[in-house]
Amino acid sequence: MLDKKLLTLLACPQCHGELVYDKESQPNSETRGELVCLLDALAFPVKDGVPVMLLNEARELALEEVEALR
């Protein structure tokens, strides 16, 4: 679980936009949720409760995934 206060402080490293926490997403065994930038369609993994806010670690989202989170 990600702290709500931390979520309000974090921003997308690419556009500096708002992030949405998708706690259901588990693209691999190491990840427990993702922080999603809907503007850039990027998902940043949360590993062991720590958001990894690196562009080279981000996963590009398909349009269907972005629409599902809106």
Protein backbone atom coordinates (compact mmCIF):
# COMPACT_ATOMS: atom_id res chain seq x y z
CA MET A 1 0.00 0.00 0.00
CA LEU A 2 1.27 3.44 -0.90
CA ASP A 3 0.88 6.33 1.52
CA LYS A 4 -1.68 8.86 0.23
CA LYS A 5 0.45 11.79 1.36
CA LEU A 6 3.41 10.46 -0.64
CA LEU A 7 1.19 10.12 -3.70
CA THR A 8 0.27 13.82 -3.53
CA LEU A 9 3.97 14.76 -3.51
CA LEU A 10 5.04 12.60 -6.46
CA ALA A 11 4.78 13.69 -10.09
CA CYS A 12 5.54 12.15 -13.44
CA PRO A 13 9.27 12.64 -14.18
CA GLN A 14 8.51 13.30 -17.85
CA CYS A 15 5.62 15.82 -17.81
CA HIS A 16 5.45 16.61 -14.06
CA GLY A 17 1.77 15.67 -14.16
CA GLU A 18 -0.43 13.92 -11.63
CA LEU A 19 -0.07 10.20 -10.98
CA VAL A 20 -2.76 7.62 -10.27
CA TYR A 21 -2.03 4.62 -8.07
CA ASP A 22 -3.14 1.34 -9.66
CA LYS A 23 -2.77 -1.10 -6.77
CA GLU A 24 -4.24 -4.02 -8.77
CA SER A 25 -1.54 -3.97 -11.45
CA GLN A 26 1.14 -6.64 -11.15
CA PRO A 27 3.00 -6.86 -14.48
CA ASN A 28 5.68 -9.08 -12.90
CA SER A 29 6.47 -10.90 -9.66
CA GLU A 30 8.53 -8.01 -8.22
CA THR A 31 5.90 -5.32 -8.71
CA ARG A 32 2.98 -4.62 -6.37
CA GLY A 33 1.06 -1.90 -8.13
CA GLU A 34 2.07 0.95 -10.39
CA LEU A 35 1.93 4.72 -10.44
CA VAL A 36 0.35 5.75 -13.72
CA CYS A 37 0.66 8.99 -15.67
CA LEU A 38 -2.48 9.16 -17.80
CA LEU A 39 -1.12 12.04 -19.90
CA ASP A 40 2.00 10.17 -21.03
CA ALA A 41 0.51 6.65 -20.78
CA LEU A 42 3.38 5.49 -18.59
CA ALA A 43 3.29 3.16 -15.59
CA PHE A 44 6.02 3.32 -12.95
CA PRO A 45 6.47 0.17 -10.83
CA VAL A 46 6.14 0.06 -7.05
CA LYS A 47 8.66 -2.45 -5.70
CA ASP A 48 8.57 -3.36 -2.00
CA GLY A 49 6.42 -0.29 -1.36
CA VAL A 50 8.89 2.06 -3.06
CA PRO A 51 7.92 3.84 -6.30
CA VAL A 52 10.59 3.54 -9.00
CA MET A 53 10.27 6.89 -10.77
CA LEU A 54 12.80 6.31 -13.55
CA LEU A 55 11.77 6.74 -17.18
CA ASN A 56 13.81 3.71 -18.24
CA GLU A 57 11.88 1.58 -15.72
CA ALA A 58 8.46 2.82 -16.89
CA ARG A 59 6.10 0.62 -18.87
CA GLU A 60 4.23 2.09 -21.83
CA LEU A 61 0.48 1.59 -21.54
CA ALA A 62 -1.89 0.62 -24.30
CA LEU A 63 -4.80 2.96 -24.97
CA GLU A 64 -7.21 0.41 -23.46
CA GLU A 65 -5.27 0.41 -20.19
CA VAL A 66 -5.33 4.20 -19.97
CA GLU A 67 -9.06 4.34 -20.69
CA ALA A 68 -9.75 1.73 -18.01
CA LEU A 69 -8.06 3.91 -15.38
CA ARG A 70 -9.93 7.12 -16.24
